[in-house]
Amino acid sequence: MLIRMTSEPELQQGVGEPDGFQRLWTPHRMAYIKGEGKPTGPGEDDGCPFCSIPAKSDEDGLVVARGSSVYAVLNLYPYNGGHLMVVPYRHVADYTELDDAETAELGLLTKRAMVALRIASGAHGFNIGMNQGSVAGAGIAAHLHQHVVPRWGGDTNFMPVVGHTKVLPQLLADTRKMLADAWPQD
């Protein structure tokens, strides 16, 4: 929830010189920074959110689509609006641990995610990939997940470059519904 956003430069009182910067307060990001909801260990019973999401309703879990061995879910901390992940139900950490059916369905749902994002949001391109292991940047290294990040021409602006802030124009629940409605059927 956005607590406070100023429209005029705000002079900060206290120690130091006033800087005149505007502040976009995003306290909801503190949960991500503190690692809330991250597994406490490598096992599926160690609090893995990717293992608990499938038991929730699509709306509560932000699930966009479900297959027989993988599902597509919105990222709680998206790089761009519509950023989703394709995740196997089975708790595996490494791509080489997927069986052939899981590998095929992961590819199929990735393709369908691209189609849905093009229909729903007019995405011009995509960043698609997975980080294998915490040293490679995986936030939840114990459970494999592939990112599908929609991109648009000109989507890099001063906010992420200068302010290290993303402005997302739509709530996750609304994005989930829009993509689920645009998801290609078999």
N, C-alpha and C. Protein backbone atom coordinates (compact mmCIF):
# COMPACT_ATOMS: atom_id res chain seq x y z
N MET A 1 0.85 -1.17 0.00
CA MET A 1 0.00 0.00 0.00
C MET A 1 0.90 1.23 0.00
N LEU A 2 0.59 2.17 -0.83
CA LEU A 2 1.33 3.42 -0.90
C LEU A 2 0.88 4.28 0.26
N ILE A 3 1.79 4.61 1.16
CA ILE A 3 1.45 5.39 2.34
C ILE A 3 1.41 6.88 2.02
N ARG A 4 2.46 7.39 1.37
CA ARG A 4 2.54 8.82 1.14
C ARG A 4 3.40 9.10 -0.07
N MET A 5 2.92 9.95 -0.92
CA MET A 5 3.70 10.39 -2.06
C MET A 5 3.53 11.90 -2.17
N THR A 6 4.62 12.62 -2.23
CA THR A 6 4.53 14.06 -2.33
C THR A 6 4.56 14.47 -3.79
N SER A 7 3.92 15.58 -4.09
CA SER A 7 3.93 16.07 -5.46
C SER A 7 4.91 17.23 -5.62
N GLU A 8 5.34 17.80 -4.54
CA GLU A 8 6.30 18.90 -4.56
C GLU A 8 7.58 18.45 -3.88
N PRO A 9 8.73 19.00 -4.29
CA PRO A 9 9.96 18.67 -3.55
C PRO A 9 9.77 18.95 -2.07
N GLU A 10 10.24 18.04 -1.26
CA GLU A 10 10.04 18.13 0.18
C GLU A 10 11.37 18.44 0.85
N LEU A 11 11.41 19.54 1.58
CA LEU A 11 12.62 19.86 2.31
C LEU A 11 12.63 19.04 3.59
N GLN A 12 13.69 18.28 3.76
CA GLN A 12 13.81 17.42 4.93
C GLN A 12 14.40 18.21 6.09
N GLN A 13 13.77 18.11 7.22
CA GLN A 13 14.26 18.79 8.41
C GLN A 13 15.17 17.84 9.18
N GLY A 14 16.17 18.39 9.84
CA GLY A 14 17.03 17.56 10.66
C GLY A 14 18.47 17.71 10.23
N VAL A 15 19.21 16.64 10.39
CA VAL A 15 20.65 16.64 10.13
C VAL A 15 20.92 16.82 8.65
N GLY A 16 21.91 17.62 8.30
CA GLY A 16 22.33 17.76 6.91
C GLY A 16 21.57 18.85 6.18
N GLU A 17 21.90 18.97 4.92
CA GLU A 17 21.29 19.97 4.05
C GLU A 17 20.03 19.41 3.41
N PRO A 18 18.99 20.23 3.27
CA PRO A 18 17.81 19.76 2.55
C PRO A 18 18.20 19.36 1.12
N ASP A 19 17.64 18.25 0.63
CA ASP A 19 18.02 17.79 -0.70
C ASP A 19 17.02 18.15 -1.78
N GLY A 20 15.79 18.50 -1.43
CA GLY A 20 14.81 18.90 -2.42
C GLY A 20 14.24 17.78 -3.27
N PHE A 21 14.56 16.51 -2.97
CA PHE A 21 14.03 15.39 -3.74
C PHE A 21 12.60 15.08 -3.34
N GLN A 22 11.81 14.61 -4.29
CA GLN A 22 10.50 14.08 -3.98
C GLN A 22 10.68 12.66 -3.46
N ARG A 23 9.74 12.22 -2.65
CA ARG A 23 9.82 10.87 -2.09
C ARG A 23 8.62 10.06 -2.56
N LEU A 24 8.87 8.88 -3.08
CA LEU A 24 7.82 7.93 -3.41
C LEU A 24 7.96 6.81 -2.38
N TRP A 25 7.11 6.82 -1.38
CA TRP A 25 7.21 5.87 -0.28
C TRP A 25 6.57 4.54 -0.70
N THR A 26 7.34 3.46 -0.63
CA THR A 26 6.84 2.14 -1.00
C THR A 26 7.15 1.14 0.12
N PRO A 27 6.50 1.30 1.26
CA PRO A 27 6.83 0.44 2.40
C PRO A 27 6.51 -1.03 2.18
N HIS A 28 5.64 -1.36 1.22
CA HIS A 28 5.34 -2.76 0.94
C HIS A 28 6.58 -3.51 0.47
N ARG A 29 7.58 -2.81 -0.08
CA ARG A 29 8.80 -3.45 -0.55
C ARG A 29 9.67 -3.96 0.60
N MET A 30 9.43 -3.47 1.82
CA MET A 30 10.23 -3.91 2.96
C MET A 30 10.08 -5.41 3.20
N ALA A 31 8.92 -5.98 2.92
CA ALA A 31 8.74 -7.43 3.07
C ALA A 31 9.74 -8.18 2.19
N TYR A 32 9.93 -7.71 0.95
CA TYR A 32 10.89 -8.34 0.04
C TYR A 32 12.31 -8.15 0.54
N ILE A 33 12.63 -6.94 0.97
CA ILE A 33 13.98 -6.64 1.44
C ILE A 33 14.33 -7.51 2.64
N LYS A 34 13.37 -7.70 3.55
CA LYS A 34 13.61 -8.49 4.75
C LYS A 34 13.55 -10.00 4.50
N GLY A 35 13.13 -10.38 3.30
CA GLY A 35 13.07 -11.80 2.97
C GLY A 35 11.85 -12.51 3.51
N GLU A 36 10.79 -11.75 3.84
CA GLU A 36 9.57 -12.38 4.34
C GLU A 36 8.99 -13.31 3.28
N GLY A 37 8.55 -14.46 3.72
CA GLY A 37 7.95 -15.42 2.80
C GLY A 37 8.95 -16.28 2.07
N LYS A 38 10.25 -16.06 2.31
CA LYS A 38 11.25 -16.93 1.68
C LYS A 38 11.38 -18.21 2.48
N PRO A 39 11.68 -19.31 1.82
CA PRO A 39 11.83 -20.58 2.55
C PRO A 39 12.92 -20.49 3.60
N THR A 40 12.73 -21.24 4.67
CA THR A 40 13.73 -21.27 5.74
C THR A 40 14.80 -22.33 5.49
N GLY A 41 14.58 -23.20 4.51
CA GLY A 41 15.53 -24.24 4.16
C GLY A 41 15.28 -24.75 2.77
N PRO A 42 16.01 -25.78 2.35
CA PRO A 42 15.90 -26.26 0.97
C PRO A 42 14.73 -27.20 0.69
N GLY A 43 14.09 -27.72 1.72
CA GLY A 43 13.03 -28.70 1.50
C GLY A 43 11.68 -28.06 1.22
N GLU A 44 10.77 -28.85 0.63
CA GLU A 44 9.45 -28.31 0.30
C GLU A 44 8.63 -28.00 1.54
N ASP A 45 8.97 -28.57 2.68
CA ASP A 45 8.25 -28.29 3.93
C ASP A 45 8.91 -27.15 4.71
N ASP A 46 9.85 -26.45 4.10
CA ASP A 46 10.56 -25.36 4.77
C ASP A 46 9.99 -23.99 4.42
N GLY A 47 8.70 -23.93 4.18
CA GLY A 47 8.05 -22.66 3.93
C GLY A 47 8.14 -22.16 2.50
N CYS A 48 8.25 -23.05 1.54
CA CYS A 48 8.38 -22.66 0.15
C CYS A 48 7.06 -22.08 -0.37
N PRO A 49 7.04 -20.80 -0.78
CA PRO A 49 5.79 -20.23 -1.29
C PRO A 49 5.33 -20.88 -2.58
N PHE A 50 6.24 -21.37 -3.41
CA PHE A 50 5.85 -22.01 -4.66
C PHE A 50 5.17 -23.36 -4.43
N CYS A 51 5.41 -23.96 -3.26
CA CYS A 51 4.72 -25.20 -2.92
C CYS A 51 3.35 -24.92 -2.31
N SER A 52 3.18 -23.78 -1.65
CA SER A 52 1.90 -23.47 -1.01
C SER A 52 0.92 -22.76 -1.94
N ILE A 53 1.40 -22.07 -2.96
CA ILE A 53 0.51 -21.33 -3.87
C ILE A 53 -0.53 -22.22 -4.55
N PRO A 54 -0.17 -23.41 -5.05
CA PRO A 54 -1.18 -24.21 -5.76
C PRO A 54 -2.40 -24.60 -4.92
N ALA A 55 -2.28 -24.61 -3.60
CA ALA A 55 -3.41 -24.96 -2.74
C ALA A 55 -4.39 -23.79 -2.58
N LYS A 56 -3.98 -22.60 -2.99
CA LYS A 56 -4.83 -21.42 -2.87
C LYS A 56 -5.72 -21.28 -4.10
N SER A 57 -6.75 -20.46 -3.98
CA SER A 57 -7.55 -20.14 -5.16
C SER A 57 -6.67 -19.36 -6.13
N ASP A 58 -7.07 -19.33 -7.39
CA ASP A 58 -6.29 -18.58 -8.38
C ASP A 58 -6.15 -17.12 -7.96
N GLU A 59 -7.25 -16.54 -7.48
CA GLU A 59 -7.23 -15.13 -7.09
C GLU A 59 -6.30 -14.90 -5.90
N ASP A 60 -6.41 -15.72 -4.87
CA ASP A 60 -5.58 -15.53 -3.67
C ASP A 60 -4.11 -15.83 -3.93
N GLY A 61 -3.84 -16.82 -4.80
CA GLY A 61 -2.46 -17.18 -5.10
C GLY A 61 -1.87 -16.42 -6.26
N LEU A 62 -2.68 -15.57 -6.91
CA LEU A 62 -2.27 -14.82 -8.11
C LEU A 62 -1.88 -15.76 -9.25
N VAL A 63 -2.52 -16.93 -9.29
CA VAL A 63 -2.26 -17.92 -10.34
C VAL A 63 -3.01 -17.49 -11.60
N VAL A 64 -2.29 -17.44 -12.70
CA VAL A 64 -2.87 -17.04 -13.98
C VAL A 64 -3.38 -18.26 -14.73
N ALA A 65 -2.63 -19.36 -14.70
CA ALA A 65 -3.02 -20.59 -15.40
C ALA A 65 -2.39 -21.79 -14.71
N ARG A 66 -3.06 -22.93 -14.84
CA ARG A 66 -2.56 -24.18 -14.24
C ARG A 66 -2.47 -25.24 -15.32
N GLY A 67 -1.34 -25.94 -15.34
CA GLY A 67 -1.18 -27.10 -16.19
C GLY A 67 -1.18 -28.34 -15.31
N SER A 68 -0.79 -29.48 -15.89
CA SER A 68 -0.78 -30.71 -15.09
C SER A 68 0.49 -30.82 -14.25
N SER A 69 1.61 -30.22 -14.69
CA SER A 69 2.84 -30.32 -13.90
C SER A 69 3.49 -28.97 -13.60
N VAL A 70 2.99 -27.89 -14.18
CA VAL A 70 3.51 -26.54 -13.90
C VAL A 70 2.34 -25.55 -13.89
N TYR A 71 2.58 -24.39 -13.30
CA TYR A 71 1.57 -23.34 -13.27
C TYR A 71 2.24 -21.99 -13.51
N ALA A 72 1.42 -20.99 -13.90
CA ALA A 72 1.92 -19.63 -14.11
C ALA A 72 1.33 -18.74 -13.03
N VAL A 73 2.20 -17.95 -12.40
CA VAL A 73 1.80 -17.10 -11.28
C VAL A 73 2.46 -15.74 -11.41
N LEU A 74 1.74 -14.70 -11.00
CA LEU A 74 2.33 -13.36 -11.02
C LEU A 74 3.43 -13.24 -9.97
N ASN A 75 4.43 -12.47 -10.27
CA ASN A 75 5.50 -12.17 -9.33
C ASN A 75 4.99 -11.10 -8.37
N LEU A 76 5.13 -11.33 -7.06
CA LEU A 76 4.71 -10.35 -6.07
C LEU A 76 5.54 -9.07 -6.14
N TYR A 77 6.75 -9.15 -6.62
CA TYR A 77 7.65 -8.01 -6.70
C TYR A 77 8.12 -7.86 -8.14
N PRO A 78 7.20 -7.45 -9.03
CA PRO A 78 7.48 -7.48 -10.48
C PRO A 78 8.47 -6.44 -10.94
N TYR A 79 9.23 -6.81 -11.99
CA TYR A 79 10.09 -5.86 -12.68
C TYR A 79 9.25 -4.94 -13.55
N ASN A 80 8.19 -5.47 -14.13
CA ASN A 80 7.25 -4.73 -14.96
C ASN A 80 5.86 -5.28 -14.70
N GLY A 81 4.84 -4.51 -15.05
CA GLY A 81 3.48 -5.01 -14.95
C GLY A 81 3.33 -6.24 -15.82
N GLY A 82 2.69 -7.28 -15.29
CA GLY A 82 2.52 -8.53 -16.02
C GLY A 82 3.63 -9.53 -15.83
N HIS A 83 4.68 -9.18 -15.07
CA HIS A 83 5.79 -10.10 -14.81
C HIS A 83 5.25 -11.33 -14.10
N LEU A 84 5.39 -12.47 -14.77
CA LEU A 84 4.94 -13.71 -14.15
C LEU A 84 6.04 -14.76 -14.17
N MET A 85 5.76 -15.85 -13.51
CA MET A 85 6.71 -16.95 -13.43
C MET A 85 5.99 -18.25 -13.77
N VAL A 86 6.70 -19.15 -14.44
CA VAL A 86 6.20 -20.49 -14.72
C VAL A 86 6.94 -21.41 -13.77
N VAL A 87 6.18 -22.17 -12.97
CA VAL A 87 6.74 -22.90 -11.83
C VAL A 87 6.26 -24.35 -11.86
N PRO A 88 7.17 -25.32 -11.70
CA PRO A 88 6.71 -26.71 -11.56
C PRO A 88 6.05 -26.90 -10.19
N TYR A 89 5.03 -27.75 -10.15
CA TYR A 89 4.42 -28.08 -8.86
C TYR A 89 5.43 -28.80 -7.98
N ARG A 90 6.22 -29.66 -8.60
CA ARG A 90 7.21 -30.45 -7.85
C ARG A 90 8.33 -29.55 -7.38
N HIS A 91 8.73 -29.74 -6.14
CA HIS A 91 9.77 -28.93 -5.52
C HIS A 91 11.15 -29.43 -5.97
N VAL A 92 11.68 -28.78 -7.02
CA VAL A 92 13.03 -29.09 -7.51
C VAL A 92 13.77 -27.77 -7.67
N ALA A 93 15.08 -27.81 -7.47
CA ALA A 93 15.87 -26.59 -7.51
C ALA A 93 16.52 -26.34 -8.86
N ASP A 94 16.81 -27.40 -9.58
CA ASP A 94 17.64 -27.26 -10.78
C ASP A 94 16.88 -27.71 -12.02
N TYR A 95 17.09 -27.01 -13.11
CA TYR A 95 16.43 -27.32 -14.39
C TYR A 95 16.68 -28.76 -14.80
N THR A 96 17.86 -29.30 -14.53
CA THR A 96 18.19 -30.67 -14.92
C THR A 96 17.41 -31.71 -14.13
N GLU A 97 16.74 -31.29 -13.04
CA GLU A 97 15.94 -32.22 -12.24
C GLU A 97 14.52 -32.40 -12.79
N LEU A 98 14.11 -31.57 -13.75
CA LEU A 98 12.78 -31.71 -14.34
C LEU A 98 12.73 -32.97 -15.21
N ASP A 99 11.58 -33.64 -15.19
CA ASP A 99 11.43 -34.76 -16.12
C ASP A 99 11.00 -34.20 -17.48
N ASP A 100 10.91 -35.06 -18.47
CA ASP A 100 10.60 -34.60 -19.83
C ASP A 100 9.24 -33.92 -19.93
N ALA A 101 8.24 -34.44 -19.22
CA ALA A 101 6.90 -33.85 -19.27
C ALA A 101 6.90 -32.46 -18.63
N GLU A 102 7.60 -32.31 -17.52
CA GLU A 102 7.68 -31.00 -16.86
C GLU A 102 8.42 -29.99 -17.75
N THR A 103 9.50 -30.44 -18.36
CA THR A 103 10.25 -29.56 -19.26
C THR A 103 9.39 -29.09 -20.42
N ALA A 104 8.65 -30.01 -21.01
CA ALA A 104 7.78 -29.67 -22.15
C ALA A 104 6.68 -28.71 -21.72
N GLU A 105 6.06 -28.97 -20.59
CA GLU A 105 4.96 -28.10 -20.16
C GLU A 105 5.47 -26.74 -19.70
N LEU A 106 6.65 -26.68 -19.13
CA LEU A 106 7.24 -25.39 -18.77
C LEU A 106 7.41 -24.54 -20.03
N GLY A 107 7.88 -25.15 -21.11
CA GLY A 107 8.02 -24.44 -22.38
C GLY A 107 6.68 -24.03 -22.95
N LEU A 108 5.68 -24.91 -22.87
CA LEU A 108 4.35 -24.62 -23.40
C LEU A 108 3.71 -23.46 -22.65
N LEU A 109 3.76 -23.48 -21.32
CA LEU A 109 3.16 -22.39 -20.56
C LEU A 109 3.92 -21.07 -20.74
N THR A 110 5.22 -21.16 -21.00
CA THR A 110 5.98 -19.94 -21.31
C THR A 110 5.47 -19.33 -22.61
N LYS A 111 5.26 -20.17 -23.63
CA LYS A 111 4.72 -19.70 -24.90
C LYS A 111 3.33 -19.08 -24.70
N ARG A 112 2.49 -19.74 -23.93
CA ARG A 112 1.14 -19.22 -23.68
C ARG A 112 1.18 -17.91 -22.90
N ALA A 113 2.14 -17.79 -21.99
CA ALA A 113 2.30 -16.54 -21.24
C ALA A 113 2.62 -15.39 -22.19
N MET A 114 3.49 -15.65 -23.15
CA MET A 114 3.84 -14.62 -24.13
C MET A 114 2.62 -14.20 -24.95
N VAL A 115 1.84 -15.19 -25.39
CA VAL A 115 0.63 -14.89 -26.18
C VAL A 115 -0.33 -14.05 -25.34
N ALA A 116 -0.58 -14.48 -24.09
CA ALA A 116 -1.51 -13.76 -23.22
C ALA A 116 -1.04 -12.33 -22.95
N LEU A 117 0.25 -12.16 -22.71
CA LEU A 117 0.79 -10.82 -22.45
C LEU A 117 0.70 -9.92 -23.67
N ARG A 118 0.89 -10.50 -24.86
CA ARG A 118 0.73 -9.69 -26.08
C ARG A 118 -0.72 -9.27 -26.27
N ILE A 119 -1.65 -10.19 -26.02
CA ILE A 119 -3.07 -9.88 -26.16
C ILE A 119 -3.51 -8.86 -25.10
N ALA A 120 -3.15 -9.12 -23.85
CA ALA A 120 -3.65 -8.32 -22.74
C ALA A 120 -2.98 -6.96 -22.61
N SER A 121 -1.69 -6.88 -22.94
CA SER A 121 -0.97 -5.63 -22.67
C SER A 121 -0.19 -5.09 -23.84
N GLY A 122 -0.22 -5.79 -24.98
CA GLY A 122 0.52 -5.31 -26.14
C GLY A 122 2.03 -5.32 -25.96
N ALA A 123 2.54 -6.30 -25.21
CA ALA A 123 3.99 -6.39 -24.99
C ALA A 123 4.73 -6.45 -26.33
N HIS A 124 5.83 -5.71 -26.44
CA HIS A 124 6.65 -5.68 -27.66
C HIS A 124 7.75 -6.74 -27.64
N GLY A 125 8.16 -7.14 -26.46
CA GLY A 125 9.23 -8.11 -26.31
C GLY A 125 9.21 -8.69 -24.91
N PHE A 126 10.17 -9.57 -24.62
CA PHE A 126 10.18 -10.26 -23.33
C PHE A 126 11.61 -10.52 -22.86
N ASN A 127 11.79 -10.51 -21.56
CA ASN A 127 12.96 -11.12 -20.94
C ASN A 127 12.45 -12.42 -20.34
N ILE A 128 13.05 -13.54 -20.74
CA ILE A 128 12.64 -14.85 -20.25
C ILE A 128 13.87 -15.55 -19.73
N GLY A 129 13.78 -16.08 -18.51
CA GLY A 129 14.92 -16.82 -17.99
C GLY A 129 14.74 -17.24 -16.56
N MET A 130 15.73 -18.00 -16.10
CA MET A 130 15.73 -18.48 -14.73
C MET A 130 17.12 -18.35 -14.15
N ASN A 131 17.16 -18.04 -12.87
CA ASN A 131 18.41 -17.93 -12.14
C ASN A 131 18.59 -19.23 -11.35
N GLN A 132 19.65 -19.93 -11.63
CA GLN A 132 19.90 -21.22 -11.00
C GLN A 132 20.86 -21.06 -9.84
N GLY A 133 20.33 -21.11 -8.62
CA GLY A 133 21.14 -20.97 -7.41
C GLY A 133 21.17 -19.53 -6.92
N SER A 134 21.38 -19.38 -5.62
CA SER A 134 21.39 -18.04 -5.03
C SER A 134 22.56 -17.21 -5.56
N VAL A 135 23.69 -17.83 -5.89
CA VAL A 135 24.82 -17.07 -6.42
C VAL A 135 24.53 -16.51 -7.81
N ALA A 136 23.54 -17.08 -8.50
CA ALA A 136 23.14 -16.60 -9.82
C ALA A 136 21.98 -15.61 -9.73
N GLY A 137 21.55 -15.29 -8.51
CA GLY A 137 20.50 -14.30 -8.33
C GLY A 137 19.12 -14.83 -8.02
N ALA A 138 18.98 -16.14 -7.82
CA ALA A 138 17.67 -16.70 -7.51
C ALA A 138 17.23 -16.26 -6.13
N GLY A 139 16.09 -15.57 -6.04
CA GLY A 139 15.57 -15.14 -4.75
C GLY A 139 15.06 -16.32 -3.94
N ILE A 140 14.47 -17.29 -4.62
CA ILE A 140 14.04 -18.55 -3.99
C ILE A 140 14.70 -19.66 -4.79
N ALA A 141 15.91 -19.99 -4.37
CA ALA A 141 16.74 -20.93 -5.12
C ALA A 141 16.28 -22.38 -4.97
N ALA A 142 15.56 -22.69 -3.92
CA ALA A 142 15.18 -24.08 -3.66
C ALA A 142 14.09 -24.60 -4.58
N HIS A 143 13.35 -23.69 -5.24
CA HIS A 143 12.25 -24.13 -6.12
C HIS A 143 12.39 -23.42 -7.46
N LEU A 144 12.65 -24.20 -8.48
CA LEU A 144 12.84 -23.68 -9.83
C LEU A 144 11.65 -22.82 -10.27
N HIS A 145 11.93 -21.74 -10.95
CA HIS A 145 10.89 -20.90 -11.55
C HIS A 145 11.49 -20.11 -12.69
N GLN A 146 10.72 -20.00 -13.76
CA GLN A 146 11.17 -19.26 -14.94
C GLN A 146 10.40 -17.94 -15.03
N HIS A 147 11.13 -16.85 -15.15
CA HIS A 147 10.52 -15.52 -15.26
C HIS A 147 10.13 -15.22 -16.70
N VAL A 148 8.97 -14.59 -16.86
CA VAL A 148 8.51 -14.07 -18.15
C VAL A 148 8.18 -12.60 -17.87
N VAL A 149 9.05 -11.71 -18.36
CA VAL A 149 8.91 -10.28 -18.09
C VAL A 149 8.57 -9.56 -19.39
N PRO A 150 7.36 -8.98 -19.49
CA PRO A 150 7.01 -8.25 -20.70
C PRO A 150 7.78 -6.93 -20.79
N ARG A 151 8.08 -6.53 -22.02
CA ARG A 151 8.79 -5.27 -22.24
C ARG A 151 8.10 -4.50 -23.36
N TRP A 152 8.24 -3.19 -23.30
CA TRP A 152 7.66 -2.30 -24.30
C TRP A 152 8.72 -1.30 -24.74
N GLY A 153 8.65 -0.88 -25.99
CA GLY A 153 9.56 0.15 -26.47
C GLY A 153 9.41 1.39 -25.61
N GLY A 154 10.53 1.89 -25.10
CA GLY A 154 10.50 3.09 -24.27
C GLY A 154 10.10 2.84 -22.83
N ASP A 155 10.08 1.56 -22.37
CA ASP A 155 9.64 1.34 -20.98
C ASP A 155 10.70 1.65 -19.94
N THR A 156 11.89 1.99 -20.37
CA THR A 156 12.91 2.45 -19.43
C THR A 156 12.80 3.97 -19.35
N ASN A 157 12.52 4.45 -18.16
CA ASN A 157 12.41 5.89 -17.98
C ASN A 157 13.23 6.31 -16.77
N PHE A 158 13.08 7.54 -16.33
CA PHE A 158 13.92 8.05 -15.27
C PHE A 158 13.67 7.39 -13.93
N MET A 159 12.47 6.86 -13.67
CA MET A 159 12.19 6.29 -12.35
C MET A 159 13.12 5.12 -12.01
N PRO A 160 13.22 4.07 -12.84
CA PRO A 160 14.13 2.99 -12.47
C PRO A 160 15.59 3.37 -12.63
N VAL A 161 15.89 4.23 -13.59
CA VAL A 161 17.29 4.58 -13.85
C VAL A 161 17.84 5.48 -12.75
N VAL A 162 17.11 6.52 -12.41
CA VAL A 162 17.60 7.49 -11.43
C VAL A 162 17.07 7.18 -10.03
N GLY A 163 15.78 6.84 -9.95
CA GLY A 163 15.16 6.67 -8.65
C GLY A 163 15.13 5.26 -8.12
N HIS A 164 15.62 4.29 -8.90
CA HIS A 164 15.60 2.88 -8.49
C HIS A 164 14.20 2.50 -8.02
N THR A 165 13.18 2.98 -8.74
CA THR A 165 11.78 2.75 -8.40
C THR A 165 11.02 2.38 -9.65
N LYS A 166 10.14 1.40 -9.54
CA LYS A 166 9.26 1.04 -10.64
C LYS A 166 7.88 1.58 -10.33
N VAL A 167 7.25 2.17 -11.32
CA VAL A 167 5.87 2.62 -11.19
C VAL A 167 5.02 1.61 -11.94
N LEU A 168 4.18 0.89 -11.21
CA LEU A 168 3.34 -0.15 -11.79
C LEU A 168 1.91 0.37 -11.83
N PRO A 169 1.32 0.44 -13.03
CA PRO A 169 0.04 1.11 -13.18
C PRO A 169 -1.19 0.27 -12.83
N GLN A 170 -0.99 -0.97 -12.39
CA GLN A 170 -2.14 -1.83 -12.17
C GLN A 170 -1.90 -2.72 -10.96
N LEU A 171 -2.95 -2.96 -10.17
CA LEU A 171 -2.85 -3.85 -9.03
C LEU A 171 -2.67 -5.29 -9.50
N LEU A 172 -1.97 -6.11 -8.71
CA LEU A 172 -1.70 -7.49 -9.10
C LEU A 172 -2.98 -8.28 -9.35
N ALA A 173 -4.01 -8.09 -8.54
CA ALA A 173 -5.26 -8.84 -8.74
C ALA A 173 -5.88 -8.50 -10.09
N ASP A 174 -5.81 -7.23 -10.49
CA ASP A 174 -6.36 -6.83 -11.78
C ASP A 174 -5.52 -7.38 -12.93
N THR A 175 -4.19 -7.39 -12.75
CA THR A 175 -3.30 -7.95 -13.77
C THR A 175 -3.55 -9.45 -13.92
N ARG A 176 -3.73 -10.16 -12.79
CA ARG A 176 -3.98 -11.60 -12.82
C ARG A 176 -5.25 -11.90 -13.62
N LYS A 177 -6.32 -11.16 -13.35
CA LYS A 177 -7.57 -11.38 -14.07
C LYS A 177 -7.42 -11.09 -15.56
N MET A 178 -6.76 -10.01 -15.89
CA MET A 178 -6.57 -9.63 -17.29
C MET A 178 -5.81 -10.72 -18.05
N LEU A 179 -4.75 -11.26 -17.45
CA LEU A 179 -3.96 -12.29 -18.11
C LEU A 179 -4.69 -13.63 -18.14
N ALA A 180 -5.41 -13.95 -17.07
CA ALA A 180 -6.16 -15.22 -17.07
C ALA A 180 -7.23 -15.18 -18.16
N ASP A 181 -7.86 -14.03 -18.34
CA ASP A 181 -8.88 -13.90 -19.39
C ASP A 181 -8.26 -14.01 -20.79
N ALA A 182 -7.01 -13.57 -20.95
CA ALA A 182 -6.34 -13.60 -22.25
C ALA A 182 -5.57 -14.89 -22.49
N TRP A 183 -5.50 -15.78 -21.49
CA TRP A 183 -4.69 -17.00 -21.60
C TRP A 183 -5.24 -17.90 -22.70
N PRO A 184 -4.39 -18.35 -23.64
CA PRO A 184 -4.84 -19.24 -24.72
C PRO A 184 -5.32 -20.59 -24.17
N GLN A 185 -6.38 -21.09 -24.75
CA GLN A 185 -6.91 -22.39 -24.36
C GLN A 185 -6.24 -23.47 -25.22
N ASP A 186 -6.34 -24.71 -24.78
CA ASP A 186 -5.72 -25.83 -25.51
C ASP A 186 -6.20 -25.92 -26.93
